[in-house]
């Protein structure tokens, strides 16, 4: 294989990746935010999640893109980790659809219907229609449809270029002997992992494997371990997307890796053990692009069928691998206080809300303290922590606001109505404290990036202001805490009375 063939192969890979990117991005533009809304709303059961993840990924042609969206939802608190598992499993199946689309690039013929269905004809027609839509249509949705068609045409041309570049290898004994090393499952899996980690796309790796299969040198024994490794390697971009997210975001990204890792380990043990016993005759079957697409789909679907009954255990495992610290447990404890069943007992519900708000107040004060400390000594790690806690404070406002609004629909006394109204205003004040903390942190970052330093006099005045601010905020939070305690006493008296009535 000469330099020209290698360059031709690499250009084919480049066109393939670009075409797939254009097609996927344009599909998402056509759908707008509908895909995100669908993912968010229709995940009430694991089965729905799997079907939904399969459908969405089949549309946007990227399991990584689907999973990255889900990581974002979980990171923002819009979706729970348990909800994400089904979608990620479905995404693993949906990404295999690309392999079937690529099979179209291998349809050839010399005349009649076969010629009309050939790659050259399909690509040409799609490209012509696509450029007309892209250049002539004024409506954005039609222009995006044109971009989808152009992306598809580029993708198909890239596949043709790759196939043409590797075609001479079918007569190369060196190439054939090199492929025999991949019949070793460990070597094949490793190649699949590394290759996909570099390309950042399982679909691209499968496409290149399909292109190599036209040489006639890819057997079932060679293809299977590579396909197994491709799934694990595809987790690389998802794991990278979790950098900077909270622990639930990281857990969601880890689920993608665990799904493929467990599938690879399970089938490696089961399949190769059975092969050692029964010596399957189909191991030497020569693979075609269609056979590879079929293998990829069956492998992924079978893996999800095996893993789907264990969704609860996968969730437990990621929580074991990425443990909550005391601060995380404290946050969850606050949210657990806002039980809907307490809404029928306003005194208890108000006391529970007070306790949760007390947690919100402490976190807002602590975040403000973190932000002013950045003015003295900047740290990227602390800056990211402030951003993360600002999202949490917004989550407090959302949950508490919703809970208190539900409480206003119940029969409240005059004092209870006033108290709920005050706290609806108070949570906005605490949220605003969080906003101020983020603004101060951004200012500190700008000062650090631009290497701006305060004079000694300015630094002294700043320290005085910071000390005054800390004292005021601390006094405010302590005053609120004392008021919370009084309401908790009233609540405990109410609970005691309720228990006595029940016992009598």
Protein backbone atom coordinates (compact mmCIF):
# COMPACT_ATOMS: atom_id res chain seq x y z
CA UNK A 1 0.00 0.00 0.00
CA UNK A 2 1.74 3.15 -1.27
CA UNK A 3 1.69 6.72 -0.04
CA UNK A 4 -1.06 7.65 -2.52
CA UNK A 5 -3.33 4.87 -1.24
CA UNK A 6 -2.69 5.87 2.38
CA UNK A 7 -3.52 9.51 1.63
CA UNK A 8 -6.63 8.38 -0.24
CA UNK A 9 -7.70 6.28 2.76
CA UNK A 10 -7.14 9.16 5.19
CA UNK A 11 -9.02 11.60 2.94
CA UNK A 12 -11.90 9.10 2.81
CA UNK A 13 -11.91 8.91 6.62
CA UNK A 14 -11.89 12.73 6.82
CA UNK A 15 -14.80 13.05 4.38
CA UNK A 16 -16.71 10.31 6.19
CA UNK A 17 -16.30 11.99 9.60
CA UNK A 18 -17.17 15.40 8.21
CA UNK A 19 -20.24 14.10 6.37
CA UNK A 20 -21.46 12.31 9.49
CA UNK A 21 -20.91 15.45 11.57
CA UNK A 22 -22.79 17.67 9.10
CA UNK A 23 -25.66 15.20 8.84
CA UNK A 24 -25.98 14.77 12.63
CA UNK A 25 -25.75 18.51 13.42
CA UNK A 26 -28.31 19.35 10.74
CA UNK A 27 -30.70 16.68 12.00
CA UNK A 28 -30.52 18.23 15.46
CA UNK A 29 -31.20 21.69 13.98
CA UNK A 30 -34.26 20.40 12.15
CA UNK A 31 -35.56 18.86 15.36
CA UNK A 32 -34.76 22.02 17.35
CA UNK A 33 -35.14 21.40 21.07
CA UNK A 34 -37.75 18.68 20.51
CA UNK A 35 -35.21 15.89 20.98
CA UNK A 36 -34.15 17.32 24.33
CA UNK A 37 -37.78 17.69 25.46
CA UNK A 38 -38.59 14.13 24.38
CA UNK A 39 -35.55 12.74 26.20
CA UNK A 40 -36.48 14.67 29.32
CA UNK A 41 -40.18 13.77 29.46
CA UNK A 42 -40.53 10.22 28.15
CA UNK A 43 -38.28 8.30 30.52
CA UNK A 44 -40.71 7.08 33.17
CA UNK A 45 -39.73 3.40 32.75
CA UNK A 46 -36.47 1.67 31.71
CA UNK A 47 -38.13 0.15 28.62
CA UNK A 48 -39.35 3.57 27.46
CA UNK A 49 -35.86 4.92 28.05
CA UNK A 50 -34.25 2.15 25.96
CA UNK A 51 -36.72 2.61 23.07
CA UNK A 52 -36.35 6.38 23.23
CA UNK A 53 -32.56 6.26 23.33
CA UNK A 54 -32.56 3.90 20.34
CA UNK A 55 -34.88 6.13 18.29
CA UNK A 56 -33.12 9.43 19.08
CA UNK A 57 -29.66 7.98 18.39
CA UNK A 58 -30.85 6.42 15.12
CA UNK A 59 -32.00 9.91 14.09
CA UNK A 60 -28.92 11.93 15.07
CA UNK A 61 -26.47 9.11 14.20
CA UNK A 62 -24.38 9.46 17.35
CA UNK A 63 -24.63 7.62 20.67
CA UNK A 64 -22.05 10.03 22.08
CA UNK A 65 -24.23 13.06 21.24
CA UNK A 66 -27.28 11.45 22.86
CA UNK A 67 -25.34 10.53 25.98
CA UNK A 68 -23.72 13.97 26.24
CA UNK A 69 -27.23 15.50 26.19
CA UNK A 70 -28.29 13.12 28.95
CA UNK A 71 -25.17 13.95 31.00
CA UNK A 72 -26.20 17.61 30.73
CA UNK A 73 -29.73 16.86 31.94
CA UNK A 74 -28.48 14.86 34.92
CA UNK A 75 -25.84 17.47 35.73
CA UNK A 76 -28.48 20.22 35.84
CA UNK A 77 -30.80 18.13 38.02
CA UNK A 78 -33.54 17.87 35.36
CA UNK A 79 -33.13 14.10 35.16
CA UNK A 80 -32.14 11.44 37.67
CA UNK A 81 -29.29 8.98 37.19
CA UNK A 82 -31.78 6.08 37.17
CA UNK A 83 -33.68 7.66 34.25
CA UNK A 84 -30.51 8.06 32.21
CA UNK A 85 -29.52 4.37 32.23
CA UNK A 86 -32.28 3.22 29.87
CA UNK A 87 -31.58 6.04 27.39
CA UNK A 88 -27.85 5.24 27.35
CA UNK A 89 -28.60 1.56 26.76
CA UNK A 90 -30.87 2.49 23.86
CA UNK A 91 -28.21 4.80 22.46
CA UNK A 92 -25.86 1.81 22.21
CA UNK A 93 -28.37 0.06 19.96
CA UNK A 94 -29.35 3.13 17.95
CA UNK A 95 -25.79 3.91 16.88
CA UNK A 96 -25.66 0.60 14.93
CA UNK A 97 -28.15 2.02 12.41
CA UNK A 98 -25.31 3.94 10.76
CA UNK A 99 -23.71 0.66 9.68
CA UNK A 100 -26.85 -0.26 7.75
CA UNK A 101 -26.93 3.14 6.04
CA UNK A 102 -23.32 2.63 4.99
CA UNK A 103 -24.27 -0.66 3.31
CA UNK A 104 -25.92 1.48 0.62
CA UNK A 105 -22.47 2.59 -0.50
CA UNK A 106 -21.72 -0.99 -1.62
CA UNK A 107 -24.68 -1.33 -3.97
CA UNK A 108 -23.29 -1.50 -7.49
CA UNK A 109 -24.58 -2.50 -10.89
CA UNK A 110 -23.90 -2.19 -14.58
CA UNK A 111 -27.36 -1.34 -15.84
CA UNK A 112 -31.08 -1.11 -15.23
CA UNK A 113 -32.38 -0.88 -11.67
CA UNK A 114 -28.99 -1.91 -10.23
CA UNK A 115 -27.37 1.12 -11.81
CA UNK A 116 -30.07 3.42 -10.45
CA UNK A 117 -29.41 2.05 -6.97
CA UNK A 118 -25.63 2.36 -7.23
CA UNK A 119 -23.69 4.53 -4.80
CA UNK A 120 -22.70 7.03 -7.47
CA UNK A 121 -26.31 7.56 -8.53
CA UNK A 122 -27.72 7.82 -5.01
CA UNK A 123 -24.96 10.20 -3.88
CA UNK A 124 -25.35 12.38 -6.98
CA UNK A 125 -29.14 12.68 -6.67
CA UNK A 126 -29.00 13.40 -2.93
CA UNK A 127 -26.20 15.96 -3.41
CA UNK A 128 -28.10 17.79 -6.19
CA UNK A 129 -31.32 17.97 -4.19
CA UNK A 130 -29.36 18.98 -1.09
CA UNK A 131 -27.53 21.87 -2.75
CA UNK A 132 -30.80 23.14 -4.26
CA UNK A 133 -32.44 23.14 -0.83
CA UNK A 134 -29.36 24.73 0.76
CA UNK A 135 -28.92 27.52 -1.81
CA UNK A 136 -32.47 28.26 -3.00
CA UNK A 137 -34.81 27.72 -0.05
CA UNK A 138 -35.29 30.65 2.32
CA UNK A 139 -36.90 28.78 5.21
CA UNK A 140 -34.29 27.58 7.74
CA UNK A 141 -35.89 24.15 8.18
CA UNK A 142 -35.60 23.44 4.43
CA UNK A 143 -32.01 24.70 4.39
CA UNK A 144 -31.17 22.31 7.22
CA UNK A 145 -32.79 19.46 5.28
CA UNK A 146 -30.49 20.37 2.39
CA UNK A 147 -27.51 20.22 4.75
CA UNK A 148 -28.61 16.75 5.89
CA UNK A 149 -28.61 15.58 2.28
CA UNK A 150 -25.23 17.13 1.57
CA UNK A 151 -23.81 15.52 4.72
CA UNK A 152 -25.17 12.14 3.58
CA UNK A 153 -23.65 12.56 0.11
CA UNK A 154 -20.24 13.48 1.59
CA UNK A 155 -20.45 10.51 3.96
CA UNK A 156 -21.21 8.12 1.08
CA UNK A 157 -18.40 9.57 -1.04
CA UNK A 158 -16.02 9.18 1.89
CA UNK A 159 -16.99 5.51 2.19
CA UNK A 160 -16.38 5.02 -1.54
CA UNK A 161 -12.97 6.66 -1.23
CA UNK A 162 -12.01 4.45 1.72
CA UNK A 163 -13.18 1.30 -0.08
CA UNK A 164 -11.26 2.25 -3.21
CA UNK A 165 -8.11 2.94 -1.23
CA UNK A 166 -8.10 -0.44 0.55
CA UNK A 167 -9.31 -2.52 -2.42
CA UNK A 168 -5.74 -3.39 -3.61
CA UNK A 169 -5.05 -4.93 -0.19
CA UNK A 170 -7.13 -8.00 -1.08
CA UNK A 171 -4.18 -9.24 -3.13
CA UNK A 172 -1.60 -8.44 -0.43
CA UNK A 173 -0.26 -11.41 1.51
CA UNK A 174 1.30 -9.05 4.08
CA UNK A 175 -2.09 -7.54 4.83
CA UNK A 176 -3.72 -10.96 5.13
CA UNK A 177 -1.04 -12.20 7.51
CA UNK A 178 -1.34 -9.04 9.61
CA UNK A 179 -5.07 -9.61 10.03
CA UNK A 180 -4.50 -13.08 11.48
CA UNK A 181 -3.11 -11.49 14.66
CA UNK A 182 -6.56 -9.98 15.30
CA UNK A 183 -8.06 -13.45 15.61
CA UNK A 184 -6.56 -13.24 19.09
CA UNK A 185 -9.54 -11.73 20.98
CA UNK A 186 -7.40 -9.63 23.32
CA UNK A 187 -5.49 -8.03 20.43
CA UNK A 188 -8.69 -7.39 18.44
CA UNK A 189 -10.47 -5.81 21.40
CA UNK A 190 -7.49 -3.58 22.15
CA UNK A 191 -7.31 -2.41 18.53
CA UNK A 192 -11.05 -1.64 18.55
CA UNK A 193 -10.74 0.37 21.76
CA UNK A 194 -7.70 2.39 20.68
CA UNK A 195 -8.93 3.02 17.15
CA UNK A 196 -12.34 4.27 18.32
CA UNK A 197 -10.84 6.36 21.12
CA UNK A 198 -8.74 8.18 18.51
CA UNK A 199 -11.61 8.65 16.01
CA UNK A 200 -14.09 9.54 18.80
CA UNK A 201 -16.85 7.71 16.93
CA UNK A 202 -18.11 4.11 17.00
CA UNK A 203 -19.90 4.64 13.67
CA UNK A 204 -16.66 5.75 12.01
CA UNK A 205 -14.80 2.68 13.31
CA UNK A 206 -17.53 0.34 12.08
CA UNK A 207 -17.50 2.14 8.72
CA UNK A 208 -13.75 1.63 8.33
CA UNK A 209 -14.13 -2.03 9.29
CA UNK A 210 -16.83 -2.35 6.61
CA UNK A 211 -14.48 -0.74 4.09
CA UNK A 212 -11.73 -3.22 4.98
CA UNK A 213 -14.16 -6.11 4.60
CA UNK A 214 -14.34 -5.54 0.83
CA UNK A 215 -10.79 -6.93 0.64
CA UNK A 216 -12.13 -10.34 1.64
CA UNK A 217 -9.57 -10.56 4.44
CA UNK A 218 -11.90 -9.91 7.39
CA UNK A 219 -13.29 -13.10 8.91
CA UNK A 220 -15.83 -13.45 11.71
CA UNK A 221 -12.99 -14.29 14.11
CA UNK A 222 -11.25 -11.00 13.23
CA UNK A 223 -14.33 -8.78 13.21
CA UNK A 224 -16.00 -9.85 16.47
CA UNK A 225 -13.31 -8.75 18.97
CA UNK A 226 -12.83 -5.45 17.09
CA UNK A 227 -16.58 -4.76 17.29
CA UNK A 228 -16.47 -5.57 21.02
CA UNK A 229 -13.64 -3.09 21.53
CA UNK A 230 -15.32 -0.38 19.45
CA UNK A 231 -18.11 -0.01 22.03
CA UNK A 232 -15.65 0.56 24.88
CA UNK A 233 -13.56 3.02 22.87
CA UNK A 234 -16.69 5.05 22.05
CA UNK A 235 -16.99 5.93 25.74
CA UNK A 236 -13.94 8.22 25.46
CA UNK A 237 -15.77 11.38 24.21
CA UNK A 238 -18.58 10.79 26.72
CA UNK A 239 -16.13 10.59 29.62
CA UNK A 240 -14.44 13.75 28.38
CA UNK A 241 -17.82 15.53 28.32
CA UNK A 242 -18.23 14.77 32.05
CA UNK A 243 -15.16 16.85 32.97
CA UNK A 244 -16.35 19.76 35.10
CA UNK A 245 -19.79 18.23 35.83
CA UNK A 246 -21.08 17.30 39.25
CA UNK A 247 -20.97 13.76 40.62
CA UNK A 248 -24.26 12.71 39.03
CA UNK A 249 -23.00 13.92 35.66
CA UNK A 250 -19.85 11.83 36.09
CA UNK A 251 -21.94 8.83 37.15
CA UNK A 252 -24.02 9.13 33.98
CA UNK A 253 -20.93 9.18 31.76
CA UNK A 254 -19.54 6.19 33.65
CA UNK A 255 -22.74 4.23 32.91
CA UNK A 256 -21.98 4.46 29.18
CA UNK A 257 -18.55 2.92 29.75
CA UNK A 258 -19.85 0.22 32.11
CA UNK A 259 -22.55 -0.89 29.65
CA UNK A 260 -20.02 -1.58 26.90
CA UNK A 261 -17.38 -2.90 29.29
CA UNK A 262 -19.77 -5.43 30.84
CA UNK A 263 -21.01 -6.44 27.38
CA UNK A 264 -17.46 -6.97 26.17
CA UNK A 265 -16.48 -9.03 29.24
CA UNK A 266 -19.67 -11.10 29.26
CA UNK A 267 -19.59 -12.08 25.60
CA UNK A 268 -15.82 -12.59 25.63
CA UNK A 269 -16.20 -15.14 28.41
CA UNK A 270 -19.40 -16.82 27.17
CA UNK A 271 -18.74 -16.85 23.43
CA UNK A 272 -15.10 -17.88 23.49
CA UNK A 273 -15.76 -20.52 26.17
CA UNK A 274 -18.47 -22.04 23.97
CA UNK A 275 -16.19 -21.79 20.94
CA UNK A 276 -13.47 -23.69 22.81
CA UNK A 277 -15.97 -26.47 23.48
CA UNK A 278 -17.93 -26.64 20.22
CA UNK A 279 -15.44 -25.10 17.72
CA UNK A 280 -17.90 -22.96 15.74
CA UNK A 281 -17.50 -23.44 12.00
CA UNK A 282 -18.62 -19.90 11.16
CA UNK A 283 -15.48 -18.37 12.74
CA UNK A 284 -13.76 -18.43 9.34
CA UNK A 285 -16.71 -17.01 7.39
CA UNK A 286 -15.59 -14.04 5.25
CA UNK A 287 -17.37 -10.88 6.37
CA UNK A 288 -19.07 -8.38 4.07
CA UNK A 289 -20.26 -4.86 4.93
CA UNK A 290 -23.78 -6.23 5.49
CA UNK A 291 -22.52 -9.00 7.77
CA UNK A 292 -20.53 -6.48 9.84
CA UNK A 293 -23.58 -4.20 10.17
CA UNK A 294 -25.61 -7.24 11.26
CA UNK A 295 -22.93 -8.36 13.75
CA UNK A 296 -22.71 -4.86 15.25
CA UNK A 297 -26.49 -4.60 15.71
CA UNK A 298 -26.91 -8.12 17.12
CA UNK A 299 -23.98 -7.70 19.52
CA UNK A 300 -25.28 -4.39 20.87
CA UNK A 301 -28.91 -5.52 21.11
CA UNK A 302 -27.92 -8.79 22.82
CA UNK A 303 -25.76 -6.88 25.31
CA UNK A 304 -28.64 -4.58 26.28
CA UNK A 305 -31.03 -7.55 26.60
CA UNK A 306 -28.60 -9.13 29.07
CA UNK A 307 -27.97 -5.90 31.04
CA UNK A 308 -31.48 -4.37 31.14
CA UNK A 309 -32.73 -6.54 34.05
CA UNK A 310 -29.80 -5.23 36.12
CA UNK A 311 -30.45 -1.49 35.76
CA UNK A 312 -30.95 -1.05 39.53
CA UNK A 313 -27.65 -2.78 40.25
CA UNK A 314 -25.81 -0.67 37.66
CA UNK A 315 -27.17 2.42 39.39
CA UNK A 316 -25.96 1.15 42.77
CA UNK A 317 -22.55 0.34 41.30
CA UNK A 318 -21.94 3.86 39.94
CA UNK A 319 -22.88 5.29 43.33
CA UNK A 320 -20.33 2.95 44.94
CA UNK A 321 -17.63 3.89 42.42
CA UNK A 322 -18.35 7.62 42.73
CA UNK A 323 -19.32 8.11 46.36
CA UNK A 324 -21.17 11.05 47.88
CA UNK A 325 -19.32 13.05 50.51
CA UNK A 326 -20.98 14.52 53.60
CA UNK A 327 -21.85 17.74 51.78
CA UNK A 328 -23.65 15.85 48.98
CA UNK A 329 -25.59 13.78 51.52
CA UNK A 330 -26.55 16.97 53.33
CA UNK A 331 -27.93 18.43 50.10
CA UNK A 332 -30.01 15.34 49.36
CA UNK A 333 -31.25 15.31 52.95
CA UNK A 334 -32.62 18.85 52.48
CA UNK A 335 -34.50 17.89 49.32
CA UNK A 336 -35.89 14.75 50.95
CA UNK A 337 -37.59 16.98 53.55
CA UNK A 338 -39.97 18.36 50.92
CA UNK A 339 -42.36 15.40 50.96
CA UNK A 340 -45.70 15.95 49.21
CA UNK A 341 -47.56 13.96 51.88
CA UNK A 342 -46.72 16.73 54.39
CA UNK A 343 -48.67 19.26 52.32
CA UNK A 344 -51.86 18.10 54.04
CA UNK A 345 -50.28 19.14 57.36
CA UNK A 346 -49.22 22.77 56.75
CA UNK A 347 -47.44 23.20 60.10
CA UNK A 348 -45.16 20.25 59.33
CA UNK A 349 -44.69 21.30 55.70
CA UNK A 350 -43.68 24.82 56.77
CA UNK A 351 -41.20 23.46 59.29
CA UNK A 352 -39.72 21.12 56.69
CA UNK A 353 -39.45 24.00 54.22
CA UNK A 354 -37.70 26.11 56.87
CA UNK A 355 -35.10 23.41 57.45
CA UNK A 356 -34.42 23.04 53.72
CA UNK A 357 -34.18 26.83 53.36
CA UNK A 358 -31.71 26.88 56.23
CA UNK A 359 -29.52 24.54 54.16
CA UNK A 360 -29.92 26.84 51.16
CA UNK A 361 -28.90 29.84 53.30
CA UNK A 362 -25.75 28.10 54.54
CA UNK A 363 -24.71 27.13 51.02
CA UNK A 364 -25.34 30.64 49.66
CA UNK A 365 -23.23 32.11 52.50
CA UNK A 366 -20.46 29.58 51.95
CA UNK A 367 -20.42 30.22 48.20
CA UNK A 368 -20.17 33.96 48.77
CA UNK A 369 -17.26 33.33 51.12
CA UNK A 370 -15.55 31.17 48.47
CA UNK A 371 -15.97 33.86 45.82
CA UNK A 372 -14.40 36.70 47.84
CA UNK A 373 -11.48 34.43 48.75
CA UNK A 374 -10.73 34.22 45.00
CA UNK A 375 -9.97 37.95 45.05
CA UNK A 376 -7.03 37.16 47.35
CA UNK A 377 -5.86 33.89 45.79
CA UNK A 378 -7.40 32.63 42.54
CA UNK A 379 -7.95 28.91 41.93
CA UNK A 380 -9.61 27.24 38.93
CA UNK A 381 -10.75 24.40 41.15
CA UNK A 382 -12.48 26.77 43.56
CA UNK A 383 -14.01 28.71 40.65
CA UNK A 384 -15.54 25.51 39.26
CA UNK A 385 -16.84 24.68 42.74
CA UNK A 386 -18.60 28.05 42.90
CA UNK A 387 -20.24 27.45 39.51
CA UNK A 388 -21.34 23.98 40.62
CA UNK A 389 -22.84 25.28 43.87
CA UNK A 390 -24.61 28.11 42.04
CA UNK A 391 -26.47 25.45 40.02
CA UNK A 392 -27.35 23.73 43.31
CA UNK A 393 -28.66 26.98 44.84
CA UNK A 394 -30.86 27.49 41.76
CA UNK A 395 -32.12 23.94 42.28
CA UNK A 396 -33.02 24.81 45.89
CA UNK A 397 -35.00 27.82 44.67
CA UNK A 398 -36.86 25.72 42.11
CA UNK A 399 -37.78 22.90 44.49
CA UNK A 400 -38.65 25.13 47.44
CA UNK A 401 -40.60 27.55 45.27
CA UNK A 402 -42.64 24.71 43.76
CA UNK A 403 -43.26 23.16 47.18
CA UNK A 404 -44.35 26.43 48.81
CA UNK A 405 -46.64 27.27 45.88
CA UNK A 406 -48.30 23.87 46.30
CA UNK A 407 -48.70 24.67 49.99
CA UNK A 408 -50.57 27.92 49.22
CA UNK A 409 -53.32 25.78 47.67
CA UNK A 410 -54.05 24.19 51.06
CA UNK A 411 -56.14 25.58 53.94
CA UNK A 412 -53.73 27.81 55.87
CA UNK A 413 -54.21 30.05 58.87
CA UNK A 414 -53.48 33.75 58.58
CA UNK A 415 -50.04 33.38 60.19
CA UNK A 416 -49.16 30.39 57.99
CA UNK A 417 -50.15 32.30 54.85
CA UNK A 418 -47.91 35.22 55.87
CA UNK A 419 -45.05 32.84 56.66
CA UNK A 420 -45.27 31.07 53.30
CA UNK A 421 -45.41 34.42 51.51
CA UNK A 422 -42.30 35.62 53.37
CA UNK A 423 -40.38 32.51 52.49
CA UNK A 424 -41.29 32.74 48.82
CA UNK A 425 -39.55 36.13 48.88
CA UNK A 426 -36.69 34.86 51.04
CA UNK A 427 -35.67 32.03 48.70
CA UNK A 428 -35.33 34.63 45.93
CA UNK A 429 -33.01 36.64 48.19
CA UNK A 430 -30.86 33.59 48.91
CA UNK A 431 -30.74 32.76 45.20
CA UNK A 432 -29.65 36.32 44.52
CA UNK A 433 -26.80 35.86 47.02
CA UNK A 434 -25.68 32.91 44.91
CA UNK A 435 -25.79 35.10 41.78
CA UNK A 436 -23.63 37.72 43.52
CA UNK A 437 -21.13 35.00 44.48
CA UNK A 438 -20.83 33.91 40.85
CA UNK A 439 -20.43 37.54 39.67
CA UNK A 440 -17.63 38.13 42.20
CA UNK A 441 -15.95 34.88 41.11
CA UNK A 442 -16.09 35.94 37.46
CA UNK A 443 -14.56 39.30 38.37
CA UNK A 444 -11.78 37.51 40.26
CA UNK A 445 -11.15 35.30 37.22
CA UNK A 446 -10.96 38.33 34.96
CA UNK A 447 -8.48 40.03 37.31
CA UNK A 448 -6.36 36.86 37.37
CA UNK A 449 -6.46 36.37 33.58
CA UNK A 450 -5.52 39.99 32.91
CA UNK A 451 -2.91 39.98 35.70
CA UNK A 452 -4.48 43.02 37.39
CA UNK A 453 -3.18 43.60 40.96
CA UNK A 454 -4.68 45.89 43.62
CA UNK A 455 -2.56 48.50 45.34
CA UNK A 456 -1.88 48.06 49.07
CA UNK A 457 -4.42 50.79 49.92
CA UNK A 458 -7.09 49.25 47.67
CA UNK A 459 -6.41 45.80 49.10
CA UNK A 460 -6.85 47.15 52.65
CA UNK A 461 -10.18 48.75 51.73
CA UNK A 462 -11.27 45.54 50.00
CA UNK A 463 -10.47 43.50 53.11
CA UNK A 464 -12.57 45.87 55.24
CA UNK A 465 -15.50 45.50 52.83
CA UNK A 466 -15.14 41.71 52.78
CA UNK A 467 -15.06 41.51 56.57
CA UNK A 468 -18.18 43.71 56.83
CA UNK A 469 -19.98 41.67 54.18
CA UNK A 470 -19.15 38.38 55.92
CA UNK A 471 -20.40 39.71 59.26
CA UNK A 472 -23.68 40.92 57.76
CA UNK A 473 -24.31 37.69 55.86
CA UNK A 474 -23.40 35.51 58.86
CA UNK A 475 -25.74 37.50 61.12
CA UNK A 476 -28.54 37.23 58.56
CA UNK A 477 -28.17 33.46 58.18
CA UNK A 478 -27.97 32.98 61.96
CA UNK A 479 -31.10 35.07 62.47
CA UNK A 480 -32.92 32.99 59.88
CA UNK A 481 -31.71 29.80 61.57
CA UNK A 482 -33.12 30.90 64.94
CA UNK A 483 -36.47 31.66 63.31
CA UNK A 484 -36.38 28.21 61.72
CA UNK A 485 -35.77 26.65 65.11
CA UNK A 486 -38.86 28.35 66.56
CA UNK A 487 -41.02 27.01 63.75
CA UNK A 488 -39.56 23.54 64.26
CA UNK A 489 -40.63 23.70 67.93
CA UNK A 490 -44.17 24.55 66.88
CA UNK A 491 -44.09 21.69 64.37
CA UNK A 492 -42.84 19.18 66.94
CA UNK A 493 -45.66 20.20 69.32
CA UNK A 494 -48.13 19.66 66.49
CA UNK A 495 -46.65 16.25 65.69
CA UNK A 496 -46.82 15.24 69.37
CA UNK A 497 -50.47 16.25 69.53
CA UNK A 498 -51.18 14.34 66.29
CA UNK A 499 -49.49 11.19 67.65
CA UNK A 500 -51.48 11.39 70.90
CA UNK A 501 -54.74 11.68 68.97
CA UNK A 502 -53.84 8.66 66.83
CA UNK A 503 -52.86 6.56 69.89
CA UNK A 504 -56.07 7.46 71.69
